[in-house]
Amino acid sequence: MNDLHIEPATAADLATVLDFWKAAAEGTSISDDLDGVERLHARDPQSLLLARRDGELVGTVIAGFDGWRCHLYRLAVHPAHRRQGIGSALLAAAEERFVALGGRRADAMVLNRNERGQRAWVAAGYHPEDHWTRWVKPLNG
């Protein structure tokens, strides 16, 4: 996998990332628009990690750290490139980022219906917590 390169997204990558998520990510988020990813990038330009092979975008993960907790979002690998270790490499890069920032534990949001994604997270050493549920409230509606 030495031809795989992982690095933070640039501002010029953001529209491409949104298109990539339409093909590679499971589900959509309220923040899946250019304004949302531009805000993410402006606040923490190192958080959106991209995996490229021969210049082609093949995977993403958002490794957000708020100074308190480490959060993983949008781990996505293009369907044509799955089962090649790209997701594992992205998670390793995210975890290295968290450790360098002083993070102690990473958490991930995984859709309940995304069984393939759940298997990937388990393989990477993650597990669901039964003792709490995420509560949300949209702020713009």
N, C-alpha and C. Protein backbone atom coordinates (compact mmCIF):
# COMPACT_ATOMS: atom_id res chain seq x y z
N MET A 1 0.82 -1.20 0.00
CA MET A 1 0.00 0.00 0.00
C MET A 1 0.86 1.25 0.00
N ASN A 2 2.11 1.14 -0.41
CA ASN A 2 2.98 2.31 -0.40
C ASN A 2 2.59 3.34 -1.45
N ASP A 3 1.64 3.01 -2.32
CA ASP A 3 1.17 3.99 -3.29
C ASP A 3 -0.03 4.77 -2.76
N LEU A 4 -0.42 4.53 -1.51
CA LEU A 4 -1.53 5.24 -0.88
C LEU A 4 -0.97 6.43 -0.11
N HIS A 5 -1.53 7.61 -0.35
CA HIS A 5 -1.08 8.82 0.32
C HIS A 5 -2.25 9.41 1.09
N ILE A 6 -2.02 9.68 2.38
CA ILE A 6 -3.04 10.27 3.23
C ILE A 6 -2.55 11.62 3.69
N GLU A 7 -3.38 12.62 3.47
CA GLU A 7 -3.04 13.98 3.89
C GLU A 7 -4.31 14.78 4.09
N PRO A 8 -4.21 15.89 4.82
CA PRO A 8 -5.40 16.72 5.03
C PRO A 8 -5.91 17.32 3.71
N ALA A 9 -7.20 17.51 3.65
CA ALA A 9 -7.82 18.14 2.49
C ALA A 9 -7.40 19.60 2.41
N THR A 10 -7.36 20.12 1.21
CA THR A 10 -7.17 21.55 1.00
C THR A 10 -8.54 22.16 0.69
N ALA A 11 -8.62 23.46 0.73
CA ALA A 11 -9.89 24.12 0.40
C ALA A 11 -10.35 23.74 -1.01
N ALA A 12 -9.41 23.54 -1.91
CA ALA A 12 -9.75 23.19 -3.29
C ALA A 12 -10.35 21.78 -3.41
N ASP A 13 -10.16 20.94 -2.40
CA ASP A 13 -10.67 19.56 -2.42
C ASP A 13 -12.13 19.44 -1.99
N LEU A 14 -12.68 20.44 -1.34
CA LEU A 14 -13.93 20.27 -0.62
C LEU A 14 -15.13 19.90 -1.50
N ALA A 15 -15.28 20.51 -2.64
CA ALA A 15 -16.40 20.16 -3.53
C ALA A 15 -16.24 18.73 -4.04
N THR A 16 -15.02 18.32 -4.32
CA THR A 16 -14.75 16.96 -4.76
C THR A 16 -15.11 15.96 -3.66
N VAL A 17 -14.80 16.31 -2.42
CA VAL A 17 -15.13 15.44 -1.29
C VAL A 17 -16.64 15.24 -1.19
N LEU A 18 -17.40 16.30 -1.35
CA LEU A 18 -18.86 16.17 -1.29
C LEU A 18 -19.38 15.23 -2.37
N ASP A 19 -18.85 15.34 -3.57
CA ASP A 19 -19.24 14.42 -4.65
C ASP A 19 -18.81 12.99 -4.32
N PHE A 20 -17.64 12.85 -3.75
CA PHE A 20 -17.13 11.52 -3.37
C PHE A 20 -18.07 10.86 -2.36
N TRP A 21 -18.52 11.62 -1.37
CA TRP A 21 -19.40 11.06 -0.35
C TRP A 21 -20.71 10.54 -0.94
N LYS A 22 -21.18 11.17 -2.00
CA LYS A 22 -22.41 10.70 -2.64
C LYS A 22 -22.24 9.29 -3.18
N ALA A 23 -21.04 8.96 -3.62
CA ALA A 23 -20.77 7.63 -4.18
C ALA A 23 -20.27 6.64 -3.14
N ALA A 24 -19.59 7.12 -2.10
CA ALA A 24 -18.87 6.21 -1.22
C ALA A 24 -19.40 6.15 0.21
N ALA A 25 -20.11 7.17 0.67
CA ALA A 25 -20.54 7.21 2.07
C ALA A 25 -21.95 6.67 2.22
N GLU A 26 -22.23 6.12 3.37
CA GLU A 26 -23.56 5.60 3.69
C GLU A 26 -24.34 6.71 4.38
N GLY A 27 -25.50 7.06 3.84
CA GLY A 27 -26.33 8.09 4.46
C GLY A 27 -25.82 9.49 4.21
N THR A 28 -26.62 10.45 4.63
CA THR A 28 -26.24 11.85 4.49
C THR A 28 -26.38 12.54 5.85
N SER A 29 -25.77 13.67 5.96
CA SER A 29 -25.77 14.44 7.19
C SER A 29 -26.28 15.84 6.90
N ILE A 30 -26.76 16.49 7.93
CA ILE A 30 -27.23 17.86 7.81
C ILE A 30 -26.09 18.80 7.38
N SER A 31 -24.85 18.36 7.60
CA SER A 31 -23.68 19.18 7.27
C SER A 31 -23.06 18.84 5.93
N ASP A 32 -23.68 17.96 5.17
CA ASP A 32 -23.12 17.54 3.88
C ASP A 32 -23.43 18.55 2.79
N ASP A 33 -22.87 19.71 2.95
CA ASP A 33 -22.96 20.73 1.91
C ASP A 33 -21.67 21.55 1.95
N LEU A 34 -21.47 22.35 0.92
CA LEU A 34 -20.21 23.08 0.81
C LEU A 34 -19.99 24.01 2.01
N ASP A 35 -21.05 24.67 2.46
CA ASP A 35 -20.93 25.55 3.61
C ASP A 35 -20.46 24.78 4.85
N GLY A 36 -21.01 23.58 5.05
CA GLY A 36 -20.64 22.77 6.20
C GLY A 36 -19.18 22.34 6.18
N VAL A 37 -18.72 21.81 5.05
CA VAL A 37 -17.32 21.36 5.00
C VAL A 37 -16.35 22.54 4.96
N GLU A 38 -16.78 23.67 4.41
CA GLU A 38 -15.91 24.86 4.46
C GLU A 38 -15.73 25.34 5.90
N ARG A 39 -16.79 25.29 6.70
CA ARG A 39 -16.68 25.67 8.11
C ARG A 39 -15.76 24.71 8.86
N LEU A 40 -15.91 23.41 8.59
CA LEU A 40 -15.03 22.42 9.21
C LEU A 40 -13.58 22.73 8.86
N HIS A 41 -13.33 22.95 7.59
CA HIS A 41 -11.95 23.19 7.13
C HIS A 41 -11.39 24.49 7.69
N ALA A 42 -12.20 25.51 7.79
CA ALA A 42 -11.73 26.79 8.33
C ALA A 42 -11.39 26.65 9.82
N ARG A 43 -12.18 25.89 10.55
CA ARG A 43 -11.97 25.72 11.98
C ARG A 43 -10.79 24.80 12.28
N ASP A 44 -10.66 23.72 11.51
CA ASP A 44 -9.60 22.74 11.76
C ASP A 44 -9.16 22.15 10.42
N PRO A 45 -8.26 22.81 9.72
CA PRO A 45 -7.87 22.38 8.38
C PRO A 45 -7.18 21.02 8.32
N GLN A 46 -6.77 20.48 9.46
CA GLN A 46 -6.11 19.18 9.48
C GLN A 46 -7.08 18.02 9.73
N SER A 47 -8.34 18.32 9.98
CA SER A 47 -9.27 17.28 10.43
C SER A 47 -9.82 16.39 9.33
N LEU A 48 -9.96 16.88 8.13
CA LEU A 48 -10.50 16.08 7.03
C LEU A 48 -9.34 15.43 6.29
N LEU A 49 -9.19 14.13 6.51
CA LEU A 49 -8.08 13.38 5.91
C LEU A 49 -8.55 12.68 4.64
N LEU A 50 -7.74 12.79 3.60
CA LEU A 50 -8.05 12.17 2.32
C LEU A 50 -7.01 11.12 1.98
N ALA A 51 -7.49 10.00 1.46
CA ALA A 51 -6.59 8.96 0.95
C ALA A 51 -6.64 9.01 -0.56
N ARG A 52 -5.46 9.07 -1.17
CA ARG A 52 -5.38 9.09 -2.63
C ARG A 52 -4.45 7.98 -3.09
N ARG A 53 -4.84 7.40 -4.20
CA ARG A 53 -3.99 6.41 -4.86
C ARG A 53 -3.83 6.89 -6.30
N ASP A 54 -2.59 7.08 -6.72
CA ASP A 54 -2.30 7.60 -8.06
C ASP A 54 -3.08 8.89 -8.33
N GLY A 55 -3.21 9.73 -7.32
CA GLY A 55 -3.88 11.00 -7.45
C GLY A 55 -5.40 10.94 -7.35
N GLU A 56 -5.96 9.75 -7.35
CA GLU A 56 -7.42 9.59 -7.29
C GLU A 56 -7.87 9.52 -5.83
N LEU A 57 -8.91 10.25 -5.48
CA LEU A 57 -9.49 10.19 -4.15
C LEU A 57 -10.16 8.84 -3.97
N VAL A 58 -9.71 8.07 -2.96
CA VAL A 58 -10.26 6.74 -2.73
C VAL A 58 -10.85 6.57 -1.33
N GLY A 59 -10.61 7.54 -0.43
CA GLY A 59 -11.15 7.42 0.91
C GLY A 59 -11.06 8.71 1.70
N THR A 60 -11.92 8.80 2.71
CA THR A 60 -11.93 9.98 3.59
C THR A 60 -12.22 9.56 5.03
N VAL A 61 -11.83 10.40 5.94
CA VAL A 61 -12.30 10.34 7.33
C VAL A 61 -12.15 11.74 7.91
N ILE A 62 -13.11 12.11 8.72
CA ILE A 62 -12.99 13.35 9.50
C ILE A 62 -12.54 12.94 10.89
N ALA A 63 -11.41 13.49 11.32
CA ALA A 63 -10.84 13.21 12.64
C ALA A 63 -10.88 14.51 13.43
N GLY A 64 -12.03 14.76 14.04
CA GLY A 64 -12.24 16.02 14.76
C GLY A 64 -11.89 15.90 16.23
N PHE A 65 -11.19 16.89 16.73
CA PHE A 65 -10.83 16.94 18.15
C PHE A 65 -11.22 18.30 18.68
N ASP A 66 -12.05 18.30 19.72
CA ASP A 66 -12.55 19.56 20.27
C ASP A 66 -11.80 19.99 21.53
N GLY A 67 -10.68 19.32 21.81
CA GLY A 67 -9.92 19.61 23.01
C GLY A 67 -10.34 18.72 24.18
N TRP A 68 -11.44 18.03 24.02
CA TRP A 68 -11.98 17.17 25.07
C TRP A 68 -12.10 15.73 24.59
N ARG A 69 -12.71 15.59 23.39
CA ARG A 69 -12.95 14.26 22.85
C ARG A 69 -12.54 14.18 21.38
N CYS A 70 -12.26 12.96 20.97
CA CYS A 70 -11.86 12.69 19.59
C CYS A 70 -13.04 12.03 18.87
N HIS A 71 -13.48 12.65 17.80
CA HIS A 71 -14.65 12.16 17.08
C HIS A 71 -14.30 11.82 15.64
N LEU A 72 -14.80 10.68 15.18
CA LEU A 72 -14.57 10.23 13.82
C LEU A 72 -15.88 10.25 13.05
N TYR A 73 -15.84 10.83 11.87
CA TYR A 73 -17.00 10.92 11.01
C TYR A 73 -16.56 10.62 9.57
N ARG A 74 -17.51 10.24 8.77
CA ARG A 74 -17.34 10.12 7.32
C ARG A 74 -16.15 9.25 6.89
N LEU A 75 -15.96 8.12 7.62
CA LEU A 75 -15.02 7.13 7.11
C LEU A 75 -15.70 6.52 5.89
N ALA A 76 -15.14 6.77 4.74
CA ALA A 76 -15.73 6.28 3.49
C ALA A 76 -14.62 5.88 2.54
N VAL A 77 -14.81 4.72 1.92
CA VAL A 77 -13.88 4.23 0.91
C VAL A 77 -14.70 3.96 -0.35
N HIS A 78 -14.19 4.41 -1.47
CA HIS A 78 -14.90 4.20 -2.73
C HIS A 78 -15.17 2.71 -2.92
N PRO A 79 -16.38 2.34 -3.35
CA PRO A 79 -16.71 0.92 -3.50
C PRO A 79 -15.71 0.12 -4.34
N ALA A 80 -15.12 0.72 -5.35
CA ALA A 80 -14.16 0.00 -6.20
C ALA A 80 -12.82 -0.24 -5.51
N HIS A 81 -12.62 0.38 -4.35
CA HIS A 81 -11.33 0.29 -3.66
C HIS A 81 -11.44 -0.31 -2.27
N ARG A 82 -12.58 -0.89 -1.95
CA ARG A 82 -12.77 -1.47 -0.62
C ARG A 82 -12.00 -2.78 -0.48
N ARG A 83 -11.78 -3.16 0.78
CA ARG A 83 -11.10 -4.41 1.13
C ARG A 83 -9.62 -4.39 0.70
N GLN A 84 -9.03 -3.19 0.68
CA GLN A 84 -7.62 -3.04 0.32
C GLN A 84 -6.82 -2.37 1.44
N GLY A 85 -7.43 -2.20 2.62
CA GLY A 85 -6.72 -1.60 3.75
C GLY A 85 -6.78 -0.09 3.80
N ILE A 86 -7.55 0.54 2.93
CA ILE A 86 -7.61 2.00 2.89
C ILE A 86 -8.30 2.54 4.15
N GLY A 87 -9.41 1.94 4.52
CA GLY A 87 -10.11 2.38 5.74
C GLY A 87 -9.22 2.24 6.96
N SER A 88 -8.51 1.13 7.06
CA SER A 88 -7.59 0.91 8.19
C SER A 88 -6.48 1.95 8.20
N ALA A 89 -5.96 2.28 7.03
CA ALA A 89 -4.90 3.28 6.95
C ALA A 89 -5.42 4.66 7.35
N LEU A 90 -6.65 4.98 6.94
CA LEU A 90 -7.25 6.26 7.33
C LEU A 90 -7.45 6.33 8.84
N LEU A 91 -7.95 5.24 9.43
CA LEU A 91 -8.15 5.22 10.88
C LEU A 91 -6.82 5.32 11.62
N ALA A 92 -5.79 4.66 11.13
CA ALA A 92 -4.48 4.77 11.77
C ALA A 92 -3.98 6.21 11.73
N ALA A 93 -4.17 6.89 10.60
CA ALA A 93 -3.75 8.30 10.49
C ALA A 93 -4.56 9.18 11.43
N ALA A 94 -5.85 8.91 11.53
CA ALA A 94 -6.71 9.69 12.44
C ALA A 94 -6.28 9.47 13.89
N GLU A 95 -6.02 8.23 14.25
CA GLU A 95 -5.61 7.92 15.61
C GLU A 95 -4.26 8.55 15.95
N GLU A 96 -3.34 8.57 14.99
CA GLU A 96 -2.05 9.25 15.20
C GLU A 96 -2.27 10.73 15.45
N ARG A 97 -3.17 11.33 14.70
CA ARG A 97 -3.50 12.75 14.90
C ARG A 97 -4.02 12.98 16.30
N PHE A 98 -4.94 12.12 16.73
CA PHE A 98 -5.53 12.27 18.07
C PHE A 98 -4.48 12.15 19.16
N VAL A 99 -3.62 11.16 19.06
CA VAL A 99 -2.57 10.97 20.07
C VAL A 99 -1.67 12.20 20.12
N ALA A 100 -1.29 12.73 18.96
CA ALA A 100 -0.43 13.92 18.91
C ALA A 100 -1.11 15.13 19.55
N LEU A 101 -2.44 15.18 19.49
CA LEU A 101 -3.20 16.29 20.08
C LEU A 101 -3.52 16.07 21.56
N GLY A 102 -3.17 14.90 22.09
CA GLY A 102 -3.44 14.61 23.49
C GLY A 102 -4.76 13.88 23.72
N GLY A 103 -5.36 13.39 22.66
CA GLY A 103 -6.63 12.67 22.81
C GLY A 103 -6.45 11.36 23.54
N ARG A 104 -7.51 10.94 24.23
CA ARG A 104 -7.45 9.72 25.03
C ARG A 104 -8.33 8.59 24.52
N ARG A 105 -9.39 8.92 23.80
CA ARG A 105 -10.29 7.90 23.29
C ARG A 105 -11.00 8.46 22.07
N ALA A 106 -11.14 7.63 21.07
CA ALA A 106 -11.84 8.05 19.85
C ALA A 106 -13.22 7.41 19.82
N ASP A 107 -14.18 8.15 19.32
CA ASP A 107 -15.51 7.59 19.11
C ASP A 107 -15.92 7.82 17.67
N ALA A 108 -16.82 6.98 17.21
CA ALA A 108 -17.27 7.05 15.82
C ALA A 108 -18.79 6.99 15.77
N MET A 109 -19.34 7.68 14.81
CA MET A 109 -20.76 7.60 14.55
C MET A 109 -20.94 6.63 13.39
N VAL A 110 -21.70 5.56 13.63
CA VAL A 110 -21.93 4.53 12.63
C VAL A 110 -23.43 4.28 12.57
N LEU A 111 -23.98 4.36 11.38
CA LEU A 111 -25.41 4.13 11.23
C LEU A 111 -25.78 2.71 11.68
N ASN A 112 -26.89 2.59 12.36
CA ASN A 112 -27.35 1.28 12.81
C ASN A 112 -27.56 0.32 11.65
N ARG A 113 -28.02 0.83 10.54
CA ARG A 113 -28.32 -0.04 9.39
C ARG A 113 -27.09 -0.38 8.55
N ASN A 114 -25.97 0.23 8.84
CA ASN A 114 -24.76 0.05 8.05
C ASN A 114 -23.95 -1.14 8.58
N GLU A 115 -24.40 -2.34 8.27
CA GLU A 115 -23.74 -3.54 8.79
C GLU A 115 -22.32 -3.69 8.26
N ARG A 116 -22.09 -3.37 7.01
CA ARG A 116 -20.73 -3.46 6.45
C ARG A 116 -19.81 -2.50 7.20
N GLY A 117 -20.27 -1.28 7.42
CA GLY A 117 -19.48 -0.32 8.17
C GLY A 117 -19.22 -0.77 9.59
N GLN A 118 -20.22 -1.36 10.23
CA GLN A 118 -20.03 -1.85 11.59
C GLN A 118 -18.95 -2.92 11.64
N ARG A 119 -18.93 -3.81 10.67
CA ARG A 119 -17.89 -4.84 10.63
C ARG A 119 -16.50 -4.21 10.50
N ALA A 120 -16.39 -3.17 9.70
CA ALA A 120 -15.09 -2.49 9.54
C ALA A 120 -14.65 -1.85 10.85
N TRP A 121 -15.59 -1.23 11.56
CA TRP A 121 -15.24 -0.60 12.84
C TRP A 121 -14.81 -1.65 13.86
N VAL A 122 -15.53 -2.78 13.93
CA VAL A 122 -15.16 -3.85 14.86
C VAL A 122 -13.76 -4.36 14.52
N ALA A 123 -13.48 -4.55 13.24
CA ALA A 123 -12.16 -5.03 12.82
C ALA A 123 -11.05 -4.07 13.23
N ALA A 124 -11.39 -2.79 13.34
CA ALA A 124 -10.39 -1.78 13.73
C ALA A 124 -10.30 -1.62 15.24
N GLY A 125 -11.07 -2.43 16.00
CA GLY A 125 -10.97 -2.39 17.45
C GLY A 125 -12.00 -1.52 18.15
N TYR A 126 -12.98 -1.03 17.43
CA TYR A 126 -14.04 -0.19 18.01
C TYR A 126 -15.23 -1.07 18.39
N HIS A 127 -16.03 -0.59 19.33
CA HIS A 127 -17.23 -1.32 19.73
C HIS A 127 -18.31 -0.33 20.15
N PRO A 128 -19.56 -0.72 20.00
CA PRO A 128 -20.64 0.17 20.44
C PRO A 128 -20.72 0.20 21.96
N GLU A 129 -21.17 1.31 22.49
CA GLU A 129 -21.42 1.41 23.92
C GLU A 129 -22.92 1.27 24.14
N ASP A 130 -23.31 0.39 25.03
CA ASP A 130 -24.73 0.15 25.25
C ASP A 130 -25.34 1.11 26.27
N HIS A 131 -24.53 1.77 27.04
CA HIS A 131 -25.06 2.53 28.17
C HIS A 131 -25.43 3.97 27.85
N TRP A 132 -25.35 4.37 26.59
CA TRP A 132 -25.82 5.71 26.25
C TRP A 132 -26.26 5.76 24.80
N THR A 133 -27.10 6.73 24.51
CA THR A 133 -27.61 6.98 23.17
C THR A 133 -27.35 8.43 22.83
N ARG A 134 -27.05 8.68 21.61
CA ARG A 134 -26.82 10.05 21.16
C ARG A 134 -28.16 10.77 21.00
N TRP A 135 -28.26 11.94 21.56
CA TRP A 135 -29.47 12.77 21.45
C TRP A 135 -29.13 13.97 20.59
N VAL A 136 -30.01 14.34 19.69
CA VAL A 136 -29.73 15.43 18.76
C VAL A 136 -30.92 16.38 18.66
N LYS A 137 -30.61 17.60 18.26
CA LYS A 137 -31.63 18.61 17.97
C LYS A 137 -31.11 19.47 16.84
N PRO A 138 -31.76 19.44 15.69
CA PRO A 138 -31.36 20.34 14.59
C PRO A 138 -31.51 21.80 15.05
N LEU A 139 -30.53 22.62 14.71
CA LEU A 139 -30.55 24.01 15.15
C LEU A 139 -31.08 24.98 14.10
N ASN A 140 -31.37 24.48 12.94
CA ASN A 140 -31.80 25.39 11.87
C ASN A 140 -33.20 25.04 11.35
N GLY A 141 -34.08 24.67 12.22
CA GLY A 141 -35.39 24.33 11.69
C GLY A 141 -36.39 24.32 12.72
